[in-house]
Every structure is written in C-alpha cells, then in structure tokens.
Amino acid sequence: MVGPAEEKVRFEDLADGVLNEYRLKGYRSLEAAEIHIRKLRTFFGDRQATMKHSVPVHKGDRAIDITPDRIQAFMLARQGEGASNATINRETSVLQHAFNLMVKAGRLSRVPHIPKLDEAPPRQGFVEPDEFHMLHEALPDYLKDPVRFLYLTAWRRNEMASLEWRDVEFDRRGNDLVPSAIRLRAENSKNKEARRPLVLAGELFNLIARALRNRRLDCPFVFHDNGQSIGDFRKARANASRESGVSVLVHDLRRSGVRNMVRSNIPERVAMAISGHKTRSVFDRYNIDRCVDPVFAFCRELEESRIQPVRDNQIKDVVFF
C-alpha cells in the first residue's frame, strides 16, 4: 500500500538525494553521477533540462511510477542511442542507489527491480610508441605535455590535472632551483592515500621543466590551459584520434604507462607505486609481460624510501629563476 507521502516523491527528489550524498562524502565520481542523472532525466524528468547547467522547471515523474518496465524501456532506448551496456549499468546503478537512499530515509517503502546487463570484457587497449607519437602530434599544444605525462607515469587524468607547484620539490644547484621530484597528495588520490615522491629524470624532468618555464603566477597548476586547470578533454582527444588514425581512450594511456614501465625493467612494486595501483592484478588483467623495451627506461633511480637528486647529465632545459 502506497501512502500519500510516497506519492509526493519525484524523480528530482531522487536525483537531489544521491547527488547531495556524493557532495557530502566528497566522492570523486560526482561529475560522472551528474552526467548519469542528466541521461535519466531525459526519460523520467524534465526533458528540457538535460544540459550541464540547466535547471529543471518541474520535478519529473513520481518515484512510484518509475517501475521495472519503464526502467527496461529506458535501457532499450539508451541501447538504441548507441550507449554500451556498461554505461547503461552505471546510469541505472545511480538510479538504484537513489531509491535505496529514499528507502533508508523512510520516504519510500521499496526499490524497483533493476536488471544488470551483460558487459563486454574490460578494454585492453594499449598505445604503442609510434602510435602515441602520431596521436601526440595531433593534440592541441596545451595538451601535448599533459598527455605525455600520463603516458610516462600512468597517473589518472584527475591526478595529473590536480598537480600543483606546491607538489613539486626542488634541488638547489648554485643559484638555480631545479625541479627534482613530484608527489601526489592524499586528497588528490583516488584511494585517498598520498603517493611517495616520483623522481624527475629524462623526459619526465623535461616535461616539468617546460611547465615551469610556462608557469603563471596566477595559476597554481603545473599543467594548465591558459591559466585554467586541465578539464575533461575527451573532445580534443577524439579529434586527435580522428586526425591521427589512432583510436585511444584516456585510460589506454594509463594501461600503456604501466606496461611501458614493466617493459623497461622497472620492478612491479615500483611501477605500482608510481601509477597508484594497490594490487598487482593490473599485470594479470592486461596480460602485461616483461619484454624489456629500453625506449621507456626512465626513472630507474627511483628508490623506495627517499628522493634521489637529479644527476647533472640528466638536466636539460633547466629553468632559471
């Protein structure tokens, strides 16, 4: 039996509940959840309010009317739009979580059954050096070094974008300060753990040195776009993929970065410390082998317990203050 209080709960109440929880708990997936909510809104809410900053003018369908058959119709419609089963599962998972929160709050008495679709196996795309070179050449200038950084370190996009100058350590050489290491703070790490310092050497050193040369005093970020932090660059990446003929997702750079480190004979535990992986399952999941490739033999002097200074013969493009 549905009471009058339950009849008042609308789709936007579900959306507000789940998004407010994400904000309250500081979930890094808030942006993704907002995107999922906008997709759900096209079917259950104000269909005119599906843009990023648009505000719904009405609260959408009653929660009790979001039934299993209507949810199935939403899933079929999304498949018709070309959405993958994995994407649809993420969207309906947000909806299910929203219902669960309302039940916990006592505003609803039940959660509709939401089926899970079979998903394709995890993508195992890798970017070979020659492919990366072609892709890199097609990127806009402001993304060239940030994307190369991802390819070298296997960091996540948000981790790269959050890197600030206060996260860079410097060595003094005479009258000059030279960048020597970077660290990822706990608040910028997906697992909320600080990452040990990463020594700057070779091409990685050059990247940070170039960034230092282009530093803006009104911008705290190491990598930036005309003083603004590097945001979502899926469109720029897609354009570069079309121009270069190299089909790449941003996460392919992370997978490739780990493989490159292992192929350059960096120990797995060190590769994991650099990339932030917590278990070695990444090596099994992506069938990463130990074929040694000297092209990516960088940062071998990284030690587990302390920062090593950059050697003189590794310093190029030193920036003077």
Protein backbone atom coordinates (compact mmCIF):
# COMPACT_ATOMS: atom_id res chain seq x y z
CA MET A 1 0.00 0.00 0.00
CA VAL A 2 1.44 3.37 -1.05
CA GLY A 3 0.81 6.28 1.28
CA PRO A 4 0.38 9.95 0.37
CA ALA A 5 3.93 10.77 1.47
CA GLU A 6 5.40 8.32 -1.04
CA GLU A 7 3.25 9.75 -3.81
CA LYS A 8 4.97 13.12 -3.33
CA VAL A 9 8.46 11.82 -4.06
CA ARG A 10 9.53 12.73 -7.58
CA PHE A 11 12.47 11.98 -9.82
CA GLU A 12 14.23 15.23 -8.88
CA ASP A 13 13.97 14.24 -5.21
CA LEU A 14 15.79 11.01 -6.08
CA ALA A 15 18.40 12.95 -8.04
CA ASP A 16 18.94 15.51 -5.28
CA GLY A 17 19.30 12.79 -2.68
CA VAL A 18 22.02 10.87 -4.47
CA LEU A 19 23.95 13.94 -5.65
CA ASN A 20 23.86 15.51 -2.19
CA GLU A 21 25.31 12.31 -0.73
CA TYR A 22 28.12 12.39 -3.30
CA ARG A 23 28.85 16.01 -2.41
CA LEU A 24 28.68 15.40 1.35
CA LYS A 25 31.06 12.45 1.22
CA GLY A 26 33.37 14.03 -1.33
CA TYR A 27 33.02 11.26 -3.89
CA ARG A 28 35.28 11.83 -6.88
CA SER A 29 32.64 10.29 -9.13
CA LEU A 30 30.27 13.23 -8.56
CA GLU A 31 30.79 14.57 -12.08
CA ALA A 32 30.04 11.16 -13.58
CA ALA A 33 26.93 10.83 -11.40
CA GLU A 34 25.70 14.23 -12.62
CA ILE A 35 26.10 13.05 -16.21
CA HIS A 36 24.16 9.86 -15.43
CA ILE A 37 21.39 11.88 -13.78
CA ARG A 38 21.05 14.06 -16.88
CA LYS A 39 20.61 10.94 -19.01
CA LEU A 40 18.00 9.56 -16.63
CA ARG A 41 16.24 12.93 -16.66
CA THR A 42 15.60 12.60 -20.41
CA PHE A 43 13.30 9.68 -19.60
CA PHE A 44 11.98 10.32 -16.09
CA GLY A 45 12.32 14.07 -15.56
CA ASP A 46 12.26 17.43 -17.30
CA ARG A 47 13.44 16.58 -20.81
CA GLN A 48 14.29 20.24 -21.45
CA ALA A 49 16.84 20.31 -18.61
CA THR A 50 19.50 17.89 -19.78
CA MET A 51 22.37 20.32 -20.32
CA LYS A 52 25.09 20.72 -17.70
CA HIS A 53 23.88 23.98 -16.16
CA SER A 54 20.17 23.76 -16.99
CA VAL A 55 17.66 23.82 -14.11
CA PRO A 56 14.55 21.59 -14.23
CA VAL A 57 11.28 23.51 -14.22
CA HIS A 58 9.36 20.54 -12.84
CA LYS A 59 10.27 17.61 -10.64
CA GLY A 60 9.55 14.86 -13.12
CA ASP A 61 7.76 11.56 -12.68
CA ARG A 62 6.60 10.23 -9.34
CA ALA A 63 9.05 7.74 -7.91
CA ILE A 64 6.31 5.14 -7.61
CA ASP A 65 5.77 5.41 -11.37
CA ILE A 66 9.41 4.57 -12.14
CA THR A 67 8.62 0.89 -12.43
CA PRO A 68 10.70 -2.06 -13.70
CA ASP A 69 9.03 -2.00 -17.10
CA ARG A 70 9.74 1.74 -17.53
CA ILE A 71 13.34 1.23 -16.42
CA GLN A 72 13.64 -1.53 -19.01
CA ALA A 73 12.23 0.85 -21.62
CA PHE A 74 14.90 3.41 -20.63
CA MET A 75 17.61 0.77 -21.07
CA LEU A 76 16.30 -0.18 -24.51
CA ALA A 77 16.16 3.48 -25.53
CA ARG A 78 19.76 4.00 -24.42
CA GLN A 79 20.87 0.96 -26.39
CA GLY A 80 19.10 2.46 -29.39
CA GLU A 81 21.17 5.61 -28.89
CA GLY A 82 24.35 3.56 -29.04
CA ALA A 83 25.18 3.51 -25.32
CA SER A 84 27.19 0.49 -24.17
CA ASN A 85 25.79 -1.95 -21.64
CA ALA A 86 28.47 -0.83 -19.19
CA THR A 87 27.34 2.81 -19.49
CA ILE A 88 23.70 1.85 -19.05
CA ASN A 89 24.58 -0.18 -15.96
CA ARG A 90 26.36 2.83 -14.45
CA GLU A 91 23.31 5.01 -15.11
CA THR A 92 20.81 2.60 -13.62
CA SER A 93 23.14 1.96 -10.66
CA VAL A 94 22.85 5.65 -9.78
CA LEU A 95 19.07 5.35 -10.02
CA GLN A 96 19.07 2.28 -7.80
CA HIS A 97 21.27 3.99 -5.24
CA ALA A 98 18.91 6.96 -5.24
CA PHE A 99 15.99 4.65 -4.45
CA ASN A 100 17.98 2.95 -1.69
CA LEU A 101 18.68 6.31 -0.06
CA MET A 102 14.98 7.21 -0.12
CA VAL A 103 14.07 3.88 1.48
CA LYS A 104 16.69 4.46 4.21
CA ALA A 105 15.24 7.93 4.79
CA GLY A 106 11.76 6.44 5.17
CA ARG A 107 10.35 8.35 2.22
CA LEU A 108 9.82 5.24 0.07
CA SER A 109 8.99 1.68 1.02
CA ARG A 110 10.53 -0.23 -1.88
CA VAL A 111 13.18 -0.24 -4.57
CA PRO A 112 12.10 -1.34 -8.06
CA HIS A 113 13.93 -4.27 -9.59
CA ILE A 114 16.65 -3.02 -11.90
CA PRO A 115 18.34 -5.71 -14.03
CA LYS A 116 22.03 -5.66 -14.87
CA LEU A 117 23.10 -6.02 -18.47
CA ASP A 118 25.99 -8.21 -19.54
CA GLU A 119 29.06 -6.10 -20.09
CA ALA A 120 31.88 -6.58 -22.54
CA PRO A 121 35.24 -7.68 -21.08
CA PRO A 122 37.41 -4.80 -19.84
CA ARG A 123 39.07 -2.91 -22.66
CA GLN A 124 42.71 -3.87 -23.05
CA GLY A 125 43.79 -1.14 -25.42
CA PHE A 126 47.43 -0.17 -25.45
CA VAL A 127 49.21 2.64 -27.26
CA GLU A 128 52.47 1.68 -28.92
CA PRO A 129 55.27 4.29 -29.12
CA ASP A 130 54.78 5.04 -32.82
CA GLU A 131 51.01 5.34 -32.32
CA PHE A 132 51.50 7.66 -29.39
CA HIS A 133 53.80 9.84 -31.47
CA MET A 134 51.12 10.24 -34.16
CA LEU A 135 48.43 10.97 -31.58
CA HIS A 136 50.68 13.39 -29.73
CA GLU A 137 51.38 15.40 -32.87
CA ALA A 138 47.63 15.81 -33.48
CA LEU A 139 46.85 17.12 -29.98
CA PRO A 140 46.43 20.86 -29.32
CA ASP A 141 49.57 22.41 -27.84
CA TYR A 142 48.18 22.82 -24.33
CA LEU A 143 47.56 19.05 -24.10
CA LYS A 144 50.83 17.74 -25.54
CA ASP A 145 52.81 17.68 -22.30
CA PRO A 146 49.91 16.69 -20.01
CA VAL A 147 49.11 13.68 -22.21
CA ARG A 148 52.77 12.70 -22.46
CA PHE A 149 52.91 12.92 -18.66
CA LEU A 150 50.01 10.44 -18.46
CA TYR A 151 51.78 8.11 -20.87
CA LEU A 152 55.00 8.20 -18.86
CA THR A 153 53.59 7.95 -15.33
CA ALA A 154 50.31 6.02 -15.74
CA TRP A 155 48.64 8.55 -13.46
CA ARG A 156 44.91 9.13 -13.70
CA ARG A 157 43.68 12.18 -15.60
CA ASN A 158 42.32 13.88 -12.48
CA GLU A 159 45.58 13.23 -10.64
CA MET A 160 47.56 14.89 -13.40
CA ALA A 161 45.17 17.83 -13.54
CA SER A 162 45.39 18.35 -9.76
CA LEU A 163 49.21 18.56 -9.70
CA GLU A 164 50.23 21.96 -8.29
CA TRP A 165 53.58 23.67 -7.88
CA ARG A 166 53.45 23.06 -4.15
CA ASP A 167 53.63 19.36 -5.05
CA VAL A 168 56.98 19.82 -6.82
CA GLU A 169 60.24 19.53 -4.89
CA PHE A 170 63.34 21.42 -5.98
CA ASP A 171 67.09 20.99 -5.62
CA ARG A 172 69.40 23.98 -5.49
CA ARG A 173 72.24 23.96 -7.99
CA GLY A 174 74.36 27.03 -7.49
CA ASN A 175 71.99 29.97 -7.79
CA ASP A 176 69.33 27.94 -9.58
CA LEU A 177 66.45 25.83 -8.33
CA VAL A 178 65.85 22.68 -10.37
CA PRO A 179 62.70 20.50 -10.11
CA SER A 180 63.70 17.16 -8.65
CA ALA A 181 60.54 15.27 -7.64
CA ILE A 182 56.76 15.42 -7.58
CA ARG A 183 54.29 13.97 -5.15
CA LEU A 184 50.56 13.32 -5.19
CA ARG A 185 48.71 14.50 -2.12
CA ALA A 186 46.19 12.18 -0.44
CA GLU A 187 43.23 14.45 -1.24
CA ASN A 188 44.02 14.20 -4.95
CA SER A 189 44.46 10.43 -4.99
CA LYS A 190 41.59 8.12 -5.86
CA ASN A 191 42.35 5.86 -2.89
CA LYS A 192 42.88 8.86 -0.56
CA GLU A 193 46.49 7.90 0.11
CA ALA A 194 49.48 10.11 -0.56
CA ARG A 195 51.84 8.74 -3.17
CA ARG A 196 55.54 8.63 -2.50
CA PRO A 197 57.72 11.16 -4.34
CA LEU A 198 58.41 10.46 -8.00
CA VAL A 199 61.92 11.43 -9.04
CA LEU A 200 62.19 13.60 -12.14
CA ALA A 201 64.63 12.30 -14.73
CA GLY A 202 64.92 12.16 -18.50
CA GLU A 203 61.80 13.14 -20.42
CA LEU A 204 59.75 13.40 -17.24
CA PHE A 205 62.17 16.02 -15.97
CA ASN A 206 61.91 17.90 -19.26
CA LEU A 207 58.11 17.96 -19.03
CA ILE A 208 58.14 19.60 -15.62
CA ALA A 209 60.94 21.97 -16.65
CA ARG A 210 58.89 23.13 -19.66
CA ALA A 211 55.86 23.55 -17.43
CA LEU A 212 57.96 25.64 -15.06
CA ARG A 213 59.07 27.82 -17.94
CA ASN A 214 55.39 28.39 -18.83
CA ARG A 215 54.29 28.86 -15.24
CA ARG A 216 51.77 31.59 -14.50
CA LEU A 217 51.82 33.25 -11.11
CA ASP A 218 48.01 33.45 -11.10
CA CYS A 219 47.66 29.68 -11.65
CA PRO A 220 48.70 27.05 -9.09
CA PHE A 221 48.62 24.13 -11.54
CA VAL A 222 51.66 22.56 -13.19
CA PHE A 223 49.66 21.80 -16.33
CA HIS A 224 47.09 24.34 -17.42
CA ASP A 225 45.17 25.72 -20.36
CA ASN A 226 45.83 29.45 -20.46
CA GLY A 227 45.79 29.64 -16.67
CA GLN A 228 42.85 27.27 -16.17
CA SER A 229 43.14 23.72 -14.86
CA ILE A 230 43.06 20.92 -17.43
CA GLY A 231 39.46 19.73 -17.56
CA ASP A 232 37.79 16.95 -19.45
CA PHE A 233 39.47 16.73 -22.85
CA ARG A 234 37.51 13.90 -24.43
CA LYS A 235 36.54 16.06 -27.41
CA ALA A 236 40.14 17.11 -28.06
CA ARG A 237 41.29 13.52 -27.67
CA ALA A 238 38.60 12.31 -30.08
CA ASN A 239 39.60 14.94 -32.63
CA ALA A 240 43.26 13.93 -32.34
CA SER A 241 42.29 10.28 -32.72
CA ARG A 242 40.42 11.03 -35.95
CA GLU A 243 43.25 13.15 -37.33
CA SER A 244 45.98 10.65 -36.44
CA GLY A 245 44.00 7.49 -37.13
CA VAL A 246 44.88 6.19 -33.64
CA SER A 247 41.84 5.17 -31.60
CA VAL A 248 42.67 5.91 -27.97
CA LEU A 249 40.83 6.34 -24.68
CA VAL A 250 42.48 8.28 -21.86
CA HIS A 251 42.62 5.13 -19.74
CA ASP A 252 44.60 3.42 -22.52
CA LEU A 253 47.42 5.79 -21.61
CA ARG A 254 47.35 4.51 -18.03
CA ARG A 255 47.44 0.86 -19.11
CA SER A 256 50.22 1.64 -21.57
CA GLY A 257 52.18 3.57 -18.97
CA VAL A 258 52.23 0.59 -16.63
CA ARG A 259 53.26 -1.74 -19.44
CA ASN A 260 55.97 0.64 -20.59
CA MET A 261 57.46 0.74 -17.11
CA VAL A 262 57.47 -3.02 -16.79
CA ARG A 263 58.95 -3.45 -20.26
CA SER A 264 61.73 -1.06 -19.32
CA ASN A 265 62.54 -3.45 -16.48
CA ILE A 266 61.17 -1.33 -13.66
CA PRO A 267 60.10 -3.67 -10.80
CA GLU A 268 56.36 -4.22 -10.48
CA ARG A 269 56.26 -2.78 -6.96
CA VAL A 270 57.88 0.43 -8.19
CA ALA A 271 55.54 0.65 -11.20
CA MET A 272 52.60 0.22 -8.82
CA ALA A 273 53.96 2.95 -6.53
CA ILE A 274 54.24 5.35 -9.48
CA SER A 275 50.83 4.57 -11.01
CA GLY A 276 48.95 4.20 -7.73
CA HIS A 277 47.71 0.65 -8.29
CA LYS A 278 47.06 -1.11 -4.99
CA THR A 279 47.39 -4.71 -6.16
CA ARG A 280 49.36 -6.44 -8.87
CA SER A 281 46.14 -7.68 -10.53
CA VAL A 282 46.65 -4.99 -13.19
CA PHE A 283 49.53 -7.03 -14.60
CA ASP A 284 47.36 -10.14 -14.89
CA ARG A 285 44.27 -8.29 -16.11
CA TYR A 286 46.08 -6.67 -19.01
CA ASN A 287 48.49 -9.54 -19.70
CA ILE A 288 51.47 -7.28 -19.11
CA ASP A 289 54.69 -9.16 -19.72
CA ARG A 290 58.32 -8.33 -19.06
CA CYS A 291 59.65 -7.88 -22.59
CA VAL A 292 62.34 -5.29 -21.99
CA ASP A 293 62.00 -2.15 -24.09
CA PRO A 294 64.77 0.38 -23.48
CA VAL A 295 62.75 3.19 -25.04
CA PHE A 296 60.89 3.59 -21.77
CA ALA A 297 63.80 3.09 -19.38
CA PHE A 298 63.15 6.16 -17.29
CA CYS A 299 63.34 6.92 -13.58
CA ARG A 300 65.19 3.70 -12.73
CA GLU A 301 66.94 5.51 -9.92
CA LEU A 302 63.66 5.78 -8.00
CA GLU A 303 64.21 4.39 -4.51
CA GLU A 304 61.52 3.19 -2.20
CA SER A 305 62.40 5.20 0.87
CA ARG A 306 63.88 8.51 -0.20
CA ILE A 307 64.20 11.05 -3.01
CA GLN A 308 67.28 10.88 -5.20
CA PRO A 309 68.57 14.17 -6.65
CA VAL A 310 68.63 14.62 -10.41
CA ARG A 311 72.07 13.87 -11.84
CA ASP A 312 73.91 16.52 -13.79
CA ASN A 313 73.80 14.59 -17.05
CA GLN A 314 70.01 14.30 -16.77
CA ILE A 315 69.41 18.03 -16.62
CA LYS A 316 68.09 19.56 -19.80
CA ASP A 317 66.13 22.74 -20.40
CA VAL A 318 66.88 23.94 -16.88
CA VAL A 319 64.71 26.90 -15.99
CA PHE A 320 66.45 29.81 -14.31
CA PHE A 321 64.70 31.97 -11.76
